[in-house]
PDB file of all heavy atoms in Angstrom:
ATOM      1  N   LEU A   1      17.902  15.384 -33.376  1.00  0.00           N
ATOM      2  CA  LEU A   1      18.360  14.284 -32.527  1.00  0.00           C
ATOM      3  C   LEU A   1      17.376  13.126 -32.498  1.00  0.00           C
ATOM      4  O   LEU A   1      17.768  11.969 -32.577  1.00  0.00           O
ATOM      5  CB  LEU A   1      18.602  14.789 -31.099  1.00  0.00           C
ATOM      6  CG  LEU A   1      19.223  13.760 -30.142  1.00  0.00           C
ATOM      7  CD1 LEU A   1      20.579  13.295 -30.653  1.00  0.00           C
ATOM      8  CD2 LEU A   1      19.357  14.332 -28.740  1.00  0.00           C
ATOM      9  N   GLU A   2      16.096  13.430 -32.417  1.00  0.00           N
ATOM     10  CA  GLU A   2      15.079  12.385 -32.335  1.00  0.00           C
ATOM     11  C   GLU A   2      14.216  12.387 -33.598  1.00  0.00           C
ATOM     12  O   GLU A   2      13.901  13.440 -34.141  1.00  0.00           O
ATOM     13  CB  GLU A   2      14.187  12.595 -31.121  1.00  0.00           C
ATOM     14  CG  GLU A   2      14.943  12.614 -29.800  1.00  0.00           C
ATOM     15  CD  GLU A   2      15.525  11.256 -29.439  1.00  0.00           C
ATOM     16  OE1 GLU A   2      15.033  10.240 -29.982  1.00  0.00           O
ATOM     17  OE2 GLU A   2      16.456  11.227 -28.629  1.00  0.00           O
ATOM     18  N   LEU A   3      13.849  11.228 -34.050  1.00  0.00           N
ATOM     19  CA  LEU A   3      12.949  11.133 -35.200  1.00  0.00           C
ATOM     20  C   LEU A   3      12.060   9.906 -35.048  1.00  0.00           C
ATOM     21  O   LEU A   3      12.532   8.786 -35.008  1.00  0.00           O
ATOM     22  CB  LEU A   3      13.739  11.026 -36.516  1.00  0.00           C
ATOM     23  CG  LEU A   3      12.882  10.887 -37.771  1.00  0.00           C
ATOM     24  CD1 LEU A   3      12.042  12.147 -37.978  1.00  0.00           C
ATOM     25  CD2 LEU A   3      13.731  10.646 -38.998  1.00  0.00           C
ATOM     26  N   GLN A   4      10.786  10.151 -34.946  1.00  0.00           N
ATOM     27  CA  GLN A   4       9.791   9.088 -34.925  1.00  0.00           C
ATOM     28  C   GLN A   4       8.723   9.444 -35.952  1.00  0.00           C
ATOM     29  O   GLN A   4       8.587  10.591 -36.367  1.00  0.00           O
ATOM     30  CB  GLN A   4       9.164   8.954 -33.533  1.00  0.00           C
ATOM     31  CG  GLN A   4      10.164   8.680 -32.427  1.00  0.00           C
ATOM     32  CD  GLN A   4      10.849   7.332 -32.566  1.00  0.00           C
ATOM     33  OE1 GLN A   4      10.259   6.404 -33.141  1.00  0.00           O
ATOM     34  NE2 GLN A   4      12.053   7.211 -32.050  1.00  0.00           N
ATOM     35  N   GLU A   5       7.957   8.468 -36.367  1.00  0.00           N
ATOM     36  CA  GLU A   5       6.946   8.703 -37.399  1.00  0.00           C
ATOM     37  C   GLU A   5       5.975   9.820 -37.022  1.00  0.00           C
ATOM     38  O   GLU A   5       5.594  10.644 -37.848  1.00  0.00           O
ATOM     39  CB  GLU A   5       6.169   7.411 -37.669  1.00  0.00           C
ATOM     40  CG  GLU A   5       6.967   6.378 -38.438  1.00  0.00           C
ATOM     41  CD  GLU A   5       6.141   5.144 -38.728  1.00  0.00           C
ATOM     42  OE1 GLU A   5       5.234   5.249 -39.569  1.00  0.00           O
ATOM     43  OE2 GLU A   5       6.386   4.102 -38.106  1.00  0.00           O
ATOM     44  N   ASN A   6       5.603   9.882 -35.769  1.00  0.00           N
ATOM     45  CA  ASN A   6       4.613  10.881 -35.366  1.00  0.00           C
ATOM     46  C   ASN A   6       5.215  12.272 -35.158  1.00  0.00           C
ATOM     47  O   ASN A   6       4.505  13.212 -34.807  1.00  0.00           O
ATOM     48  CB  ASN A   6       3.888  10.436 -34.084  1.00  0.00           C
ATOM     49  CG  ASN A   6       4.851  10.231 -32.928  1.00  0.00           C
ATOM     50  OD1 ASN A   6       6.054  10.305 -33.104  1.00  0.00           O
ATOM     51  ND2 ASN A   6       4.310   9.967 -31.755  1.00  0.00           N
ATOM     52  N   THR A   7       6.520  12.413 -35.339  1.00  0.00           N
ATOM     53  CA  THR A   7       7.154  13.726 -35.193  1.00  0.00           C
ATOM     54  C   THR A   7       7.720  14.244 -36.514  1.00  0.00           C
ATOM     55  O   THR A   7       8.436  15.234 -36.535  1.00  0.00           O
ATOM     56  CB  THR A   7       8.303  13.680 -34.163  1.00  0.00           C
ATOM     57  OG1 THR A   7       9.323  12.772 -34.625  1.00  0.00           O
ATOM     58  CG2 THR A   7       7.805  13.239 -32.809  1.00  0.00           C
ATOM     59  N   LEU A   8       7.390  13.572 -37.610  1.00  0.00           N
ATOM     60  CA  LEU A   8       7.948  13.980 -38.896  1.00  0.00           C
ATOM     61  C   LEU A   8       7.469  15.362 -39.328  1.00  0.00           C
ATOM     62  O   LEU A   8       8.261  16.195 -39.765  1.00  0.00           O
ATOM     63  CB  LEU A   8       7.584  12.951 -39.976  1.00  0.00           C
ATOM     64  CG  LEU A   8       8.416  11.678 -39.988  1.00  0.00           C
ATOM     65  CD1 LEU A   8       7.807  10.675 -40.956  1.00  0.00           C
ATOM     66  CD2 LEU A   8       9.855  11.976 -40.387  1.00  0.00           C
ATOM     67  N   ALA A   9       6.181  15.615 -39.209  1.00  0.00           N
ATOM     68  CA  ALA A   9       5.631  16.878 -39.705  1.00  0.00           C
ATOM     69  C   ALA A   9       6.285  18.107 -39.070  1.00  0.00           C
ATOM     70  O   ALA A   9       6.703  19.022 -39.786  1.00  0.00           O
ATOM     71  CB  ALA A   9       4.124  16.915 -39.500  1.00  0.00           C
ATOM     72  N   PRO A  10       6.443  18.176 -37.753  1.00  0.00           N
ATOM     73  CA  PRO A  10       7.060  19.359 -37.159  1.00  0.00           C
ATOM     74  C   PRO A  10       8.524  19.540 -37.542  1.00  0.00           C
ATOM     75  O   PRO A  10       9.066  20.625 -37.406  1.00  0.00           O
ATOM     76  CB  PRO A  10       6.935  19.103 -35.651  1.00  0.00           C
ATOM     77  CG  PRO A  10       5.915  18.046 -35.496  1.00  0.00           C
ATOM     78  CD  PRO A  10       5.957  17.242 -36.740  1.00  0.00           C
ATOM     79  N   LEU A  11       9.177  18.481 -38.019  1.00  0.00           N
ATOM     80  CA  LEU A  11      10.595  18.571 -38.368  1.00  0.00           C
ATOM     81  C   LEU A  11      10.832  19.473 -39.572  1.00  0.00           C
ATOM     82  O   LEU A  11      11.911  20.038 -39.725  1.00  0.00           O
ATOM     83  CB  LEU A  11      11.159  17.177 -38.675  1.00  0.00           C
ATOM     84  CG  LEU A  11      11.643  16.363 -37.474  1.00  0.00           C
ATOM     85  CD1 LEU A  11      12.064  14.978 -37.928  1.00  0.00           C
ATOM     86  CD2 LEU A  11      12.793  17.060 -36.775  1.00  0.00           C
ATOM     87  N   ASN A  12       9.840  19.607 -40.440  1.00  0.00           N
ATOM     88  CA  ASN A  12      10.070  20.314 -41.696  1.00  0.00           C
ATOM     89  C   ASN A  12       9.988  21.830 -41.531  1.00  0.00           C
ATOM     90  O   ASN A  12       9.195  22.502 -42.177  1.00  0.00           O
ATOM     91  CB  ASN A  12       9.088  19.819 -42.757  1.00  0.00           C
ATOM     92  CG  ASN A  12       9.169  18.323 -42.944  1.00  0.00           C
ATOM     93  OD1 ASN A  12       8.210  17.616 -42.727  1.00  0.00           O
ATOM     94  ND2 ASN A  12      10.339  17.840 -43.339  1.00  0.00           N
ATOM     95  N   LYS A  13      10.802  22.379 -40.671  1.00  0.00           N
ATOM     96  CA  LYS A  13      10.823  23.815 -40.436  1.00  0.00           C
ATOM     97  C   LYS A  13      11.612  24.533 -41.515  1.00  0.00           C
ATOM     98  O   LYS A  13      11.258  25.608 -41.959  1.00  0.00           O
ATOM     99  CB  LYS A  13      11.427  24.110 -39.066  1.00  0.00           C
ATOM    100  CG  LYS A  13      10.642  23.507 -37.903  1.00  0.00           C
ATOM    101  CD  LYS A  13      11.401  23.710 -36.602  1.00  0.00           C
ATOM    102  CE  LYS A  13      10.674  23.041 -35.443  1.00  0.00           C
ATOM    103  NZ  LYS A  13      11.449  23.145 -34.186  1.00  0.00           N
ATOM    104  N   GLU A  14      12.717  23.956 -41.912  1.00  0.00           N
ATOM    105  CA  GLU A  14      13.595  24.577 -42.901  1.00  0.00           C
ATOM    106  C   GLU A  14      14.615  23.543 -43.361  1.00  0.00           C
ATOM    107  O   GLU A  14      14.864  22.550 -42.699  1.00  0.00           O
ATOM    108  CB  GLU A  14      14.321  25.773 -42.290  1.00  0.00           C
ATOM    109  CG  GLU A  14      15.179  25.405 -41.083  1.00  0.00           C
ATOM    110  CD  GLU A  14      15.813  26.597 -40.413  1.00  0.00           C
ATOM    111  OE1 GLU A  14      16.047  27.603 -41.104  1.00  0.00           O
ATOM    112  OE2 GLU A  14      16.086  26.530 -39.207  1.00  0.00           O
ATOM    113  N   ASN A  15      15.223  23.808 -44.521  1.00  0.00           N
ATOM    114  CA  ASN A  15      16.327  22.968 -44.970  1.00  0.00           C
ATOM    115  C   ASN A  15      17.482  23.117 -43.999  1.00  0.00           C
ATOM    116  O   ASN A  15      17.895  24.236 -43.671  1.00  0.00           O
ATOM    117  CB  ASN A  15      16.785  23.396 -46.363  1.00  0.00           C
ATOM    118  CG  ASN A  15      15.786  23.043 -47.442  1.00  0.00           C
ATOM    119  OD1 ASN A  15      14.977  22.141 -47.284  1.00  0.00           O
ATOM    120  ND2 ASN A  15      15.831  23.761 -48.546  1.00  0.00           N
ATOM    121  N   ARG A  16      18.033  22.000 -43.564  1.00  0.00           N
ATOM    122  CA  ARG A  16      19.156  22.083 -42.635  1.00  0.00           C
ATOM    123  C   ARG A  16      19.936  20.773 -42.623  1.00  0.00           C
ATOM    124  O   ARG A  16      19.360  19.688 -42.783  1.00  0.00           O
ATOM    125  CB  ARG A  16      18.679  22.426 -41.230  1.00  0.00           C
ATOM    126  CG  ARG A  16      17.718  21.421 -40.606  1.00  0.00           C
ATOM    127  CD  ARG A  16      17.007  22.095 -39.433  1.00  0.00           C
ATOM    128  NE  ARG A  16      16.208  21.182 -38.653  1.00  0.00           N
ATOM    129  CZ  ARG A  16      14.974  20.805 -38.994  1.00  0.00           C
ATOM    130  NH1 ARG A  16      14.432  21.226 -40.124  1.00  0.00           N
ATOM    131  NH2 ARG A  16      14.289  19.989 -38.209  1.00  0.00           N
ATOM    132  N   VAL A  17      21.235  20.885 -42.465  1.00  0.00           N
ATOM    133  CA  VAL A  17      22.097  19.704 -42.416  1.00  0.00           C
ATOM    134  C   VAL A  17      23.171  19.893 -41.360  1.00  0.00           C
ATOM    135  O   VAL A  17      23.624  21.000 -41.094  1.00  0.00           O
ATOM    136  CB  VAL A  17      22.777  19.430 -43.780  1.00  0.00           C
ATOM    137  CG1 VAL A  17      21.759  19.107 -44.849  1.00  0.00           C
ATOM    138  CG2 VAL A  17      23.659  20.598 -44.200  1.00  0.00           C
ATOM    139  N   VAL A  18      23.539  18.777 -40.770  1.00  0.00           N
ATOM    140  CA  VAL A  18      24.704  18.701 -39.899  1.00  0.00           C
ATOM    141  C   VAL A  18      25.586  17.607 -40.479  1.00  0.00           C
ATOM    142  O   VAL A  18      25.105  16.506 -40.751  1.00  0.00           O
ATOM    143  CB  VAL A  18      24.312  18.356 -38.449  1.00  0.00           C
ATOM    144  CG1 VAL A  18      25.553  18.208 -37.584  1.00  0.00           C
ATOM    145  CG2 VAL A  18      23.392  19.419 -37.876  1.00  0.00           C
ATOM    146  N   LEU A  19      26.852  17.905 -40.706  1.00  0.00           N
ATOM    147  CA  LEU A  19      27.698  16.902 -41.359  1.00  0.00           C
ATOM    148  C   LEU A  19      29.156  17.046 -40.962  1.00  0.00           C
ATOM    149  O   LEU A  19      29.605  18.115 -40.536  1.00  0.00           O
ATOM    150  CB  LEU A  19      27.559  16.988 -42.876  1.00  0.00           C
ATOM    151  CG  LEU A  19      27.881  18.311 -43.568  1.00  0.00           C
ATOM    152  CD1 LEU A  19      29.374  18.408 -43.899  1.00  0.00           C
ATOM    153  CD2 LEU A  19      27.076  18.434 -44.865  1.00  0.00           C
ATOM    154  N   VAL A  20      29.862  15.946 -41.094  1.00  0.00           N
ATOM    155  CA  VAL A  20      31.317  15.946 -40.950  1.00  0.00           C
ATOM    156  C   VAL A  20      31.923  16.364 -42.294  1.00  0.00           C
ATOM    157  O   VAL A  20      31.577  15.799 -43.329  1.00  0.00           O
ATOM    158  CB  VAL A  20      31.839  14.556 -40.541  1.00  0.00           C
ATOM    159  CG1 VAL A  20      33.360  14.540 -40.522  1.00  0.00           C
ATOM    160  CG2 VAL A  20      31.295  14.167 -39.177  1.00  0.00           C
ATOM    161  N   ASP A  21      32.776  17.356 -42.264  1.00  0.00           N
ATOM    162  CA  ASP A  21      33.393  17.871 -43.489  1.00  0.00           C
ATOM    163  C   ASP A  21      34.531  16.936 -43.899  1.00  0.00           C
ATOM    164  O   ASP A  21      35.693  17.158 -43.586  1.00  0.00           O
ATOM    165  CB  ASP A  21      33.913  19.284 -43.251  1.00  0.00           C
ATOM    166  CG  ASP A  21      34.409  19.945 -44.532  1.00  0.00           C
ATOM    167  OD1 ASP A  21      34.362  19.290 -45.590  1.00  0.00           O
ATOM    168  OD2 ASP A  21      34.862  21.101 -44.464  1.00  0.00           O
ATOM    169  N   THR A  22      34.184  15.885 -44.618  1.00  0.00           N
ATOM    170  CA  THR A  22      35.167  14.864 -45.003  1.00  0.00           C
ATOM    171  C   THR A  22      36.062  15.295 -46.166  1.00  0.00           C
ATOM    172  O   THR A  22      37.105  14.699 -46.404  1.00  0.00           O
ATOM    173  CB  THR A  22      34.455  13.560 -45.414  1.00  0.00           C
ATOM    174  OG1 THR A  22      33.592  13.834 -46.514  1.00  0.00           O
ATOM    175  CG2 THR A  22      33.648  12.998 -44.263  1.00  0.00           C
ATOM    176  N   GLU A  23      35.648  16.321 -46.913  1.00  0.00           N
ATOM    177  CA  GLU A  23      36.349  16.680 -48.144  1.00  0.00           C
ATOM    178  C   GLU A  23      37.031  18.053 -48.091  1.00  0.00           C
ATOM    179  O   GLU A  23      37.521  18.534 -49.105  1.00  0.00           O
ATOM    180  CB  GLU A  23      35.361  16.678 -49.327  1.00  0.00           C
ATOM    181  CG  GLU A  23      34.553  15.403 -49.461  1.00  0.00           C
ATOM    182  CD  GLU A  23      35.441  14.185 -49.602  1.00  0.00           C
ATOM    183  OE1 GLU A  23      36.274  14.166 -50.521  1.00  0.00           O
ATOM    184  OE2 GLU A  23      35.319  13.264 -48.764  1.00  0.00           O
ATOM    185  N   ASN A  24      37.046  18.668 -46.910  1.00  0.00           N
ATOM    186  CA  ASN A  24      37.534  20.054 -46.803  1.00  0.00           C
ATOM    187  C   ASN A  24      36.785  20.961 -47.773  1.00  0.00           C
ATOM    188  O   ASN A  24      37.330  21.921 -48.316  1.00  0.00           O
ATOM    189  CB  ASN A  24      39.043  20.141 -47.065  1.00  0.00           C
ATOM    190  CG  ASN A  24      39.859  19.540 -45.930  1.00  0.00           C
ATOM    191  OD1 ASN A  24      39.503  19.699 -44.770  1.00  0.00           O
ATOM    192  ND2 ASN A  24      40.922  18.842 -46.275  1.00  0.00           N
TER     193      ASN A  24
END
């Protein structure tokens, strides 16, 4: 939800995506 320059490093916990399934 939040992304700032000083919080980038902790974000890299694992590959992950949230997306709208536009193509079924």
